[in-house]
C-alpha atoms as a PDB file:
ATOM      1  CA  MET A   1     -16.446  32.976  -5.095  1.00  0.00           C
ATOM      2  CA  ALA A   2     -18.376  30.055  -6.629  1.00  0.00           C
ATOM      3  CA  SER A   3     -16.548  26.758  -6.450  1.00  0.00           C
ATOM      4  CA  THR A   4     -15.590  24.945  -9.635  1.00  0.00           C
ATOM      5  CA  ALA A   5     -17.350  21.606 -10.079  1.00  0.00           C
ATOM      6  CA  ARG A   6     -15.020  18.628  -9.728  1.00  0.00           C
ATOM      7  CA  GLN A   7     -15.549  14.969 -10.509  1.00  0.00           C
ATOM      8  CA  LEU A   8     -13.577  11.887  -9.522  1.00  0.00           C
ATOM      9  CA  THR A   9     -14.077   8.642 -11.451  1.00  0.00           C
ATOM     10  CA  VAL A  10     -12.938   5.228 -10.203  1.00  0.00           C
ATOM     11  CA  ILE A  11     -13.081   2.273 -12.607  1.00  0.00           C
ATOM     12  CA  ALA A  12     -12.217  -1.258 -11.489  1.00  0.00           C
ATOM     13  CA  LEU A  13     -10.375  -3.465 -13.978  1.00  0.00           C
ATOM     14  CA  SER A  14     -12.030  -6.841 -14.426  1.00  0.00           C
ATOM     15  CA  GLY A  15     -11.065 -10.054 -16.149  1.00  0.00           C
ATOM     16  CA  ILE A  16      -7.532 -10.189 -14.716  1.00  0.00           C
ATOM     17  CA  ALA A  17      -6.380 -13.748 -14.133  1.00  0.00           C
ATOM     18  CA  ARG A  18      -4.977 -14.678 -10.746  1.00  0.00           C
ATOM     19  CA  ILE A  19      -1.380 -13.510 -10.742  1.00  0.00           C
ATOM     20  CA  GLN A  20       1.356 -16.122 -10.626  1.00  0.00           C
ATOM     21  CA  PRO A  21       5.089 -15.685  -9.930  1.00  0.00           C
ATOM     22  CA  GLY A  22       6.830 -14.094 -12.898  1.00  0.00           C
ATOM     23  CA  ASP A  23       3.680 -12.793 -14.613  1.00  0.00           C
ATOM     24  CA  ASP A  24       3.961  -9.546 -16.568  1.00  0.00           C
ATOM     25  CA  ILE A  25       1.509  -7.503 -14.501  1.00  0.00           C
ATOM     26  CA  ILE A  26       2.076  -4.284 -16.422  1.00  0.00           C
ATOM     27  CA  THR A  27       1.160  -5.862 -19.768  1.00  0.00           C
ATOM     28  CA  MET A  28      -1.852  -7.558 -18.168  1.00  0.00           C
ATOM     29  CA  MET A  29      -3.064  -4.217 -16.787  1.00  0.00           C
ATOM     30  CA  ALA A  30      -2.660  -2.560 -20.202  1.00  0.00           C
ATOM     31  CA  ARG A  31      -4.636  -5.337 -21.921  1.00  0.00           C
ATOM     32  CA  ALA A  32      -7.424  -5.191 -19.354  1.00  0.00           C
ATOM     33  CA  THR A  33      -7.584  -1.404 -19.716  1.00  0.00           C
ATOM     34  CA  ARG A  34      -7.996  -1.621 -23.489  1.00  0.00           C
ATOM     35  CA  ALA A  35     -10.480  -4.510 -23.219  1.00  0.00           C
ATOM     36  CA  GLN A  36     -12.774  -2.316 -21.089  1.00  0.00           C
ATOM     37  CA  GLY A  37     -12.475   0.594 -23.503  1.00  0.00           C
ATOM     38  CA  ILE A  38     -10.716   2.783 -20.956  1.00  0.00           C
ATOM     39  CA  VAL A  39      -8.587   5.555 -22.454  1.00  0.00           C
ATOM     40  CA  PRO A  40      -6.173   6.869 -19.793  1.00  0.00           C
ATOM     41  CA  GLY A  41      -5.620  10.615 -19.800  1.00  0.00           C
ATOM     42  CA  GLU A  42      -2.924  12.907 -18.467  1.00  0.00           C
ATOM     43  CA  GLY A  43      -2.673  12.610 -14.704  1.00  0.00           C
ATOM     44  CA  ASP A  44      -4.828   9.479 -14.361  1.00  0.00           C
ATOM     45  CA  VAL A  45      -3.633   7.052 -11.706  1.00  0.00           C
ATOM     46  CA  LEU A  46      -3.625   3.254 -11.778  1.00  0.00           C
ATOM     47  CA  VAL A  47      -4.028   1.785  -8.285  1.00  0.00           C
ATOM     48  CA  VAL A  48      -2.750  -1.782  -7.914  1.00  0.00           C
ATOM     49  CA  ALA A  49      -3.235  -4.085  -4.935  1.00  0.00           C
ATOM     50  CA  GLN A  50       0.078  -4.974  -3.275  1.00  0.00           C
ATOM     51  CA  LYS A  51      -0.887  -8.623  -3.131  1.00  0.00           C
ATOM     52  CA  ILE A  52      -0.643  -9.143  -6.883  1.00  0.00           C
ATOM     53  CA  VAL A  53       2.823  -7.553  -6.925  1.00  0.00           C
ATOM     54  CA  SER A  54       3.879  -9.793  -4.045  1.00  0.00           C
ATOM     55  CA  ARG A  55       2.583 -12.813  -5.961  1.00  0.00           C
ATOM     56  CA  MET A  56       4.426 -11.731  -9.098  1.00  0.00           C
ATOM     57  CA  GLN A  57       7.648 -11.317  -7.094  1.00  0.00           C
ATOM     58  CA  ASN A  58       7.109 -14.793  -5.569  1.00  0.00           C
ATOM     59  CA  ARG A  59       7.105 -13.435  -2.028  1.00  0.00           C
ATOM     60  CA  PHE A  60       5.530 -16.668  -0.799  1.00  0.00           C
ATOM     61  CA  TYR A  61       7.047 -18.306   2.239  1.00  0.00           C
ATOM     62  CA  ALA A  62       6.340 -21.743   3.676  1.00  0.00           C
ATOM     63  CA  LEU A  63       6.288 -21.697   7.463  1.00  0.00           C
ATOM     64  CA  ALA A  64       7.723 -25.219   7.398  1.00  0.00           C
ATOM     65  CA  ASP A  65      10.963 -23.685   6.108  1.00  0.00           C
ATOM     66  CA  VAL A  66      11.240 -21.222   9.009  1.00  0.00           C
ATOM     67  CA  THR A  67      13.275 -21.925  12.142  1.00  0.00           C
ATOM     68  CA  PRO A  68      12.219 -19.499  14.890  1.00  0.00           C
ATOM     69  CA  THR A  69      14.918 -17.884  17.005  1.00  0.00           C
ATOM     70  CA  PRO A  70      14.663 -17.873  20.814  1.00  0.00           C
ATOM     71  CA  GLN A  71      13.543 -14.231  20.594  1.00  0.00           C
ATOM     72  CA  ALA A  72      10.707 -15.173  18.231  1.00  0.00           C
ATOM     73  CA  GLN A  73       9.664 -18.045  20.497  1.00  0.00           C
ATOM     74  CA  VAL A  74       9.432 -15.792  23.561  1.00  0.00           C
ATOM     75  CA  LEU A  75       7.505 -13.140  21.637  1.00  0.00           C
ATOM     76  CA  ALA A  76       5.205 -15.736  20.070  1.00  0.00           C
ATOM     77  CA  GLU A  77       4.181 -16.964  23.509  1.00  0.00           C
ATOM     78  CA  ARG A  78       3.411 -13.397  24.558  1.00  0.00           C
ATOM     79  CA  VAL A  79       1.212 -12.650  21.517  1.00  0.00           C
ATOM     80  CA  ASP A  80      -0.198 -16.183  21.071  1.00  0.00           C
ATOM     81  CA  LYS A  81       1.026 -16.607  17.482  1.00  0.00           C
ATOM     82  CA  ASP A  82       2.919 -19.275  15.567  1.00  0.00           C
ATOM     83  CA  PRO A  83       6.638 -18.815  16.401  1.00  0.00           C
ATOM     84  CA  ARG A  84       7.526 -19.368  12.741  1.00  0.00           C
ATOM     85  CA  LEU A  85       5.224 -16.542  11.696  1.00  0.00           C
ATOM     86  CA  VAL A  86       6.663 -14.304  14.410  1.00  0.00           C
ATOM     87  CA  GLU A  87      10.158 -15.047  13.126  1.00  0.00           C
ATOM     88  CA  LEU A  88       9.184 -13.852   9.627  1.00  0.00           C
ATOM     89  CA  ILE A  89       7.542 -10.756  11.117  1.00  0.00           C
ATOM     90  CA  LEU A  90      10.752  -9.900  12.956  1.00  0.00           C
ATOM     91  CA  GLN A  91      12.812 -10.442   9.815  1.00  0.00           C
ATOM     92  CA  GLU A  92      10.563  -8.036   7.909  1.00  0.00           C
ATOM     93  CA  SER A  93      10.520  -5.333  10.599  1.00  0.00           C
ATOM     94  CA  THR A  94      12.899  -2.900  12.241  1.00  0.00           C
ATOM     95  CA  ALA A  95      11.117  -2.505  15.579  1.00  0.00           C
ATOM     96  CA  VAL A  96       8.397  -4.055  17.700  1.00  0.00           C
ATOM     97  CA  LEU A  97       5.970  -1.284  18.631  1.00  0.00           C
ATOM     98  CA  LYS A  98       3.109  -2.942  20.515  1.00  0.00           C
ATOM     99  CA  THR A  99       2.225  -6.410  21.723  1.00  0.00           C
ATOM    100  CA  ALA A 100      -0.875  -7.998  23.247  1.00  0.00           C
ATOM    101  CA  PRO A 101      -2.536 -11.399  23.035  1.00  0.00           C
ATOM    102  CA  GLY A 102      -3.289 -11.874  19.344  1.00  0.00           C
ATOM    103  CA  VAL A 103      -1.664  -8.541  18.415  1.00  0.00           C
ATOM    104  CA  LEU A 104       1.809  -7.778  17.097  1.00  0.00           C
ATOM    105  CA  ILE A 105       2.355  -4.261  15.755  1.00  0.00           C
ATOM    106  CA  VAL A 106       5.741  -3.520  14.196  1.00  0.00           C
ATOM    107  CA  GLN A 107       7.574  -0.948  12.167  1.00  0.00           C
ATOM    108  CA  HIS A 108       8.043  -2.568   8.783  1.00  0.00           C
ATOM    109  CA  ARG A 109      11.362  -2.276   6.958  1.00  0.00           C
ATOM    110  CA  LEU A 110       9.599   0.213   4.624  1.00  0.00           C
ATOM    111  CA  GLY A 111       8.824   2.422   7.629  1.00  0.00           C
ATOM    112  CA  HIS A 112       5.116   1.686   7.941  1.00  0.00           C
ATOM    113  CA  CYS A 113       3.517   0.955  11.310  1.00  0.00           C
ATOM    114  CA  MET A 114       1.467  -2.174  10.709  1.00  0.00           C
ATOM    115  CA  ALA A 115       0.206  -5.439  12.133  1.00  0.00           C
ATOM    116  CA  ASN A 116       2.257  -8.568  11.460  1.00  0.00           C
ATOM    117  CA  ALA A 117       4.602  -6.702   9.073  1.00  0.00           C
ATOM    118  CA  GLY A 118       1.913  -7.010   6.414  1.00  0.00           C
ATOM    119  CA  ILE A 119       2.376 -10.778   6.216  1.00  0.00           C
ATOM    120  CA  ASP A 120      -0.886 -12.328   5.074  1.00  0.00           C
ATOM    121  CA  ARG A 121      -2.615 -15.674   4.603  1.00  0.00           C
ATOM    122  CA  SER A 122      -5.828 -14.440   2.924  1.00  0.00           C
ATOM    123  CA  ASN A 123      -6.179 -14.943  -0.845  1.00  0.00           C
ATOM    124  CA  VAL A 124      -2.829 -16.734  -0.899  1.00  0.00           C
ATOM    125  CA  ALA A 125      -4.083 -20.214  -1.957  1.00  0.00           C
ATOM    126  CA  GLY A 126      -2.326 -23.370  -0.897  1.00  0.00           C
ATOM    127  CA  ASP A 127      -2.559 -24.553   2.682  1.00  0.00           C
ATOM    128  CA  ASP A 128      -2.366 -22.565   5.902  1.00  0.00           C
ATOM    129  CA  ASP A 129       1.382 -23.208   6.033  1.00  0.00           C
ATOM    130  CA  GLN A 130       1.999 -20.676   3.257  1.00  0.00           C
ATOM    131  CA  VAL A 131       2.118 -16.902   3.775  1.00  0.00           C
ATOM    132  CA  LEU A 132       2.768 -13.897   1.550  1.00  0.00           C
ATOM    133  CA  LEU A 133       5.160 -11.046   2.358  1.00  0.00           C
ATOM    134  CA  LEU A 134       5.007  -7.455   1.110  1.00  0.00           C
ATOM    135  CA  PRO A 135       6.791  -6.562  -2.152  1.00  0.00           C
ATOM    136  CA  LEU A 136      10.503  -5.807  -1.981  1.00  0.00           C
ATOM    137  CA  ASP A 137      10.453  -2.224  -3.328  1.00  0.00           C
ATOM    138  CA  PRO A 138       6.932  -0.827  -3.784  1.00  0.00           C
ATOM    139  CA  ASP A 139       8.044   2.693  -4.787  1.00  0.00           C
ATOM    140  CA  GLY A 140      10.549   1.289  -7.272  1.00  0.00           C
ATOM    141  CA  TRP A 141       7.999  -1.044  -8.816  1.00  0.00           C
ATOM    142  CA  CYS A 142       5.473   1.802  -9.128  1.00  0.00           C
ATOM    143  CA  ASP A 143       8.047   3.955 -10.896  1.00  0.00           C
ATOM    144  CA  GLU A 144       8.822   1.160 -13.363  1.00  0.00           C
ATOM    145  CA  ALA A 145       5.108   0.574 -13.975  1.00  0.00           C
ATOM    146  CA  ARG A 146       4.497   4.307 -14.415  1.00  0.00           C
ATOM    147  CA  ARG A 147       7.202   4.616 -17.062  1.00  0.00           C
ATOM    148  CA  ASP A 148       6.048   1.528 -18.969  1.00  0.00           C
ATOM    149  CA  LEU A 149       2.339   2.398 -18.877  1.00  0.00           C
ATOM    150  CA  SER A 150       2.975   6.028 -19.776  1.00  0.00           C
ATOM    151  CA  ALA A 151       4.905   4.863 -22.832  1.00  0.00           C
ATOM    152  CA  THR A 152       2.167   2.361 -23.713  1.00  0.00           C
ATOM    153  CA  PHE A 153      -0.683   4.876 -23.581  1.00  0.00           C
ATOM    154  CA  GLY A 154       1.250   7.962 -24.652  1.00  0.00           C
ATOM    155  CA  VAL A 155       0.232  10.040 -21.624  1.00  0.00           C
ATOM    156  CA  ASP A 156       1.843  10.802 -18.268  1.00  0.00           C
ATOM    157  CA  ILE A 157       0.118   8.696 -15.631  1.00  0.00           C
ATOM    158  CA  GLY A 158       0.695   7.833 -11.982  1.00  0.00           C
ATOM    159  CA  VAL A 159       0.746   4.475 -10.209  1.00  0.00           C
ATOM    160  CA  VAL A 160      -0.140   3.723  -6.587  1.00  0.00           C
ATOM    161  CA  MET A 161       0.306   0.397  -4.803  1.00  0.00           C
ATOM    162  CA  SER A 162      -2.310  -0.041  -2.086  1.00  0.00           C
ATOM    163  CA  ASP A 163      -2.611  -2.165   1.023  1.00  0.00           C
ATOM    164  CA  SER A 164      -5.187  -2.371   3.815  1.00  0.00           C
ATOM    165  CA  PHE A 165      -4.199  -0.842   7.139  1.00  0.00           C
ATOM    166  CA  GLY A 166      -5.862  -0.563  10.500  1.00  0.00           C
ATOM    167  CA  ARG A 167      -5.488   2.744  12.332  1.00  0.00           C
ATOM    168  CA  PRO A 168      -4.975   3.672  16.000  1.00  0.00           C
ATOM    169  CA  TRP A 169      -8.239   4.572  17.735  1.00  0.00           C
ATOM    170  CA  ARG A 170     -10.285   3.729  14.624  1.00  0.00           C
ATOM    171  CA  LEU A 171     -12.111   0.488  13.848  1.00  0.00           C
ATOM    172  CA  GLY A 172     -11.982  -0.901  10.327  1.00  0.00           C
ATOM    173  CA  THR A 173      -9.255  -1.034   7.708  1.00  0.00           C
ATOM    174  CA  THR A 174      -8.761   1.377   4.829  1.00  0.00           C
ATOM    175  CA  GLY A 175      -6.687   1.544   1.675  1.00  0.00           C
ATOM    176  CA  VAL A 176      -3.229   3.054   2.154  1.00  0.00           C
ATOM    177  CA  ALA A 177      -0.474   3.777  -0.360  1.00  0.00           C
ATOM    178  CA  ILE A 178       2.664   1.725   0.291  1.00  0.00           C
ATOM    179  CA  GLY A 179       4.104   2.567  -3.138  1.00  0.00           C
ATOM    180  CA  ALA A 180       3.630   5.534  -5.459  1.00  0.00           C
ATOM    181  CA  ALA A 181       5.093   7.239  -8.514  1.00  0.00           C
ATOM    182  CA  GLY A 182       3.942  10.042 -10.797  1.00  0.00           C
ATOM    183  CA  ILE A 183       1.671  11.506  -8.118  1.00  0.00           C
ATOM    184  CA  PRO A 184       2.407  13.841  -5.185  1.00  0.00           C
ATOM    185  CA  ALA A 185       1.792  11.187  -2.522  1.00  0.00           C
ATOM    186  CA  ARG A 186       2.293  13.816   0.184  1.00  0.00           C
ATOM    187  CA  LEU A 187       0.821  17.071  -1.123  1.00  0.00           C
ATOM    188  CA  ASP A 188       2.284  20.071   0.676  1.00  0.00           C
ATOM    189  CA  VAL A 189      -0.184  22.973   0.477  1.00  0.00           C
ATOM    190  CA  ARG A 190       1.531  25.221   2.985  1.00  0.00           C
ATOM    191  CA  GLY A 191       1.548  28.734   1.604  1.00  0.00           C
ATOM    192  CA  ARG A 192      -1.787  28.376  -0.179  1.00  0.00           C
ATOM    193  CA  GLN A 193      -4.740  30.414   1.020  1.00  0.00           C
ATOM    194  CA  ASP A 194      -8.005  29.265   2.561  1.00  0.00           C
ATOM    195  CA  LEU A 195     -11.412  30.727   1.630  1.00  0.00           C
ATOM    196  CA  ASP A 196     -10.771  33.714   3.893  1.00  0.00           C
ATOM    197  CA  GLY A 197      -7.365  34.479   2.443  1.00  0.00           C
ATOM    198  CA  ARG A 198      -5.423  33.081   5.386  1.00  0.00           C
ATOM    199  CA  GLU A 199      -2.168  31.379   4.490  1.00  0.00           C
ATOM    200  CA  LEU A 200      -2.039  27.683   5.361  1.00  0.00           C
ATOM    201  CA  GLU A 201       0.857  26.991   7.699  1.00  0.00           C
ATOM    202  CA  VAL A 202       0.838  23.252   8.471  1.00  0.00           C
ATOM    203  CA  THR A 203      -1.459  21.466   6.011  1.00  0.00           C
ATOM    204  CA  GLN A 204       0.001  18.511   4.153  1.00  0.00           C
ATOM    205  CA  ILE A 205      -2.400  16.108   2.435  1.00  0.00           C
ATOM    206  CA  GLY A 206      -1.845  12.350   2.189  1.00  0.00           C
ATOM    207  CA  LEU A 207      -3.007  12.324  -1.421  1.00  0.00           C
ATOM    208  CA  GLY A 208      -1.540   8.873  -2.097  1.00  0.00           C
ATOM    209  CA  ASP A 209      -3.535   7.415   0.779  1.00  0.00           C
ATOM    210  CA  GLU A 210      -6.702   9.180  -0.342  1.00  0.00           C
ATOM    211  CA  VAL A 211      -6.356   7.759  -3.861  1.00  0.00           C
ATOM    212  CA  ALA A 212      -5.668   4.270  -2.469  1.00  0.00           C
ATOM    213  CA  ALA A 213      -8.722   4.492  -0.205  1.00  0.00           C
ATOM    214  CA  ALA A 214     -10.966   5.613  -3.077  1.00  0.00           C
ATOM    215  CA  ALA A 215      -9.877   2.654  -5.196  1.00  0.00           C
ATOM    216  CA  SER A 216     -10.238   0.268  -2.233  1.00  0.00           C
ATOM    217  CA  ILE A 217     -13.997   0.877  -2.206  1.00  0.00           C
ATOM    218  CA  LEU A 218     -14.267  -0.998  -5.508  1.00  0.00           C
ATOM    219  CA  MET A 219     -11.294  -3.339  -5.178  1.00  0.00           C
ATOM    220  CA  GLY A 220     -12.556  -4.658  -1.859  1.00  0.00           C
ATOM    221  CA  GLN A 221     -10.605  -6.657   0.710  1.00  0.00           C
ATOM    222  CA  ALA A 222     -12.091 -10.134   0.408  1.00  0.00           C
ATOM    223  CA  GLY A 223     -12.956 -12.242  -2.645  1.00  0.00           C
ATOM    224  CA  GLU A 224     -13.905  -9.533  -5.119  1.00  0.00           C
ATOM    225  CA  GLY A 225     -11.107 -10.418  -7.536  1.00  0.00           C
ATOM    226  CA  LEU A 226     -10.610  -6.804  -8.632  1.00  0.00           C
ATOM    227  CA  PRO A 227      -6.906  -6.049  -8.044  1.00  0.00           C
ATOM    228  CA  ALA A 228      -6.621  -2.741  -9.882  1.00  0.00           C
ATOM    229  CA  CYS A 229      -8.540   0.482 -10.527  1.00  0.00           C
ATOM    230  CA  TRP A 230      -8.102   3.566 -12.650  1.00  0.00           C
ATOM    231  CA  VAL A 231      -8.722   6.815 -10.773  1.00  0.00           C
ATOM    232  CA  GLN A 232      -9.467   9.755 -13.046  1.00  0.00           C
ATOM    233  CA  GLY A 233     -10.020  13.414 -12.233  1.00  0.00           C
ATOM    234  CA  ILE A 234      -7.369  13.952  -9.556  1.00  0.00           C
ATOM    235  CA  PRO A 235      -6.834  17.739  -9.625  1.00  0.00           C
ATOM    236  CA  GLU A 236      -3.210  17.697  -8.473  1.00  0.00           C
ATOM    237  CA  ARG A 237      -0.203  16.748 -10.602  1.00  0.00           C
ATOM    238  CA  GLY A 238       3.365  16.134  -9.575  1.00  0.00           C
ATOM    239  CA  SER A 239       5.722  13.427  -8.449  1.00  0.00           C
ATOM    240  CA  GLY A 240       6.499  11.699  -5.205  1.00  0.00           C
ATOM    241  CA  ALA A 241       6.758   8.370  -3.431  1.00  0.00           C
ATOM    242  CA  ALA A 242       4.923   6.553  -0.668  1.00  0.00           C
ATOM    243  CA  ALA A 243       8.084   6.885   1.417  1.00  0.00           C
ATOM    244  CA  ASP A 244       7.207  10.600   1.620  1.00  0.00           C
ATOM    245  CA  LEU A 245       4.211   9.643   3.787  1.00  0.00           C
ATOM    246  CA  VAL A 246       6.219   7.926   6.511  1.00  0.00           C
ATOM    247  CA  ARG A 247       6.517  10.123   9.571  1.00  0.00           C
ATOM    248  CA  PRO A 248      10.157  10.569  10.667  1.00  0.00           C
ATOM    249  CA  PRO A 249      10.927   9.197  14.148  1.00  0.00           C
ATOM    250  CA  GLU A 250      11.748  12.668  15.471  1.00  0.00           C
ATOM    251  CA  LEU A 251       8.192  13.775  14.618  1.00  0.00           C
ATOM    252  CA  ASP A 252       6.510  10.719  16.122  1.00  0.00           C
ATOM    253  CA  LEU A 253       4.444  12.006  19.042  1.00  0.00           C
ATOM    254  CA  PHE A 254       2.721   8.704  19.895  1.00  0.00           C
ATOM    255  CA  ASN A 255       5.356   6.007  20.006  1.00  0.00           C
ATOM    256  CA  THR A 256       6.772   5.762  23.508  1.00  0.00           C
ATOM    257  CA  GLN A 257       9.892   3.955  22.233  1.00  0.00           C
ATOM    258  CA  GLY A 258       9.330   1.380  24.969  1.00  0.00           C
ATOM    259  CA  ASP A 259       9.226  -1.696  22.738  1.00  0.00           C
ATOM    260  CA  ARG A 260      11.347  -0.478  19.856  1.00  0.00           C
ATOM    261  CA  ALA A 261      14.623  -2.039  20.915  1.00  0.00           C
ATOM    262  CA  ARG A 262      14.989  -5.606  19.634  1.00  0.00           C
END
């Protein structure tokens, strides 16, 4: 059987001012979309960088305001990091997964396995004493944005919040969905058939991550200043959340549990 031609289009939104606490990001995204002549269609997905949502939610933290606990001080010495930063990492995480000089991998309160609980200094502005934490409720924010933008444009769209993750045994970071709405973030295709008619038994696709990674190519991870992209042509419709992508502890084959107790 001949395959049907498919096309995926990714369009970066430009001209978006640097987000400040309290800004109306959703309205800003809608204005930028119209200014570029983009007409969202059914099933299109807006990918937004987590950093601008964190900025809007005023998730800034001054290290000068942090008093490290004895636990944070001991761990900071082990990983060679600022004890105040380590204290914030512990507050944002549920478990310490791996430590080494210069490395602190934790399970974030959202369930993600990540370095430094996603706390970042890059593109934060201010001095080195200020850091930025992840948004409070990425899935919830994406759902709110999806409903507002769908009403604005009169079509059903999806929203993904992306962040940059490293991966075990792989060099380089890639875009990952930490929030999603209006898209099947974890696409379960078990029961479908392959080209030979065999029924798929285990295949589940991290569609939210794939969309985030596609947008990340244009959004970049340095000083590009492109915090959002429209992704058009995604063949799958449905609903879901980024929380659907987090592997349950009972299915975790790699974590030895050795460092998880805190």
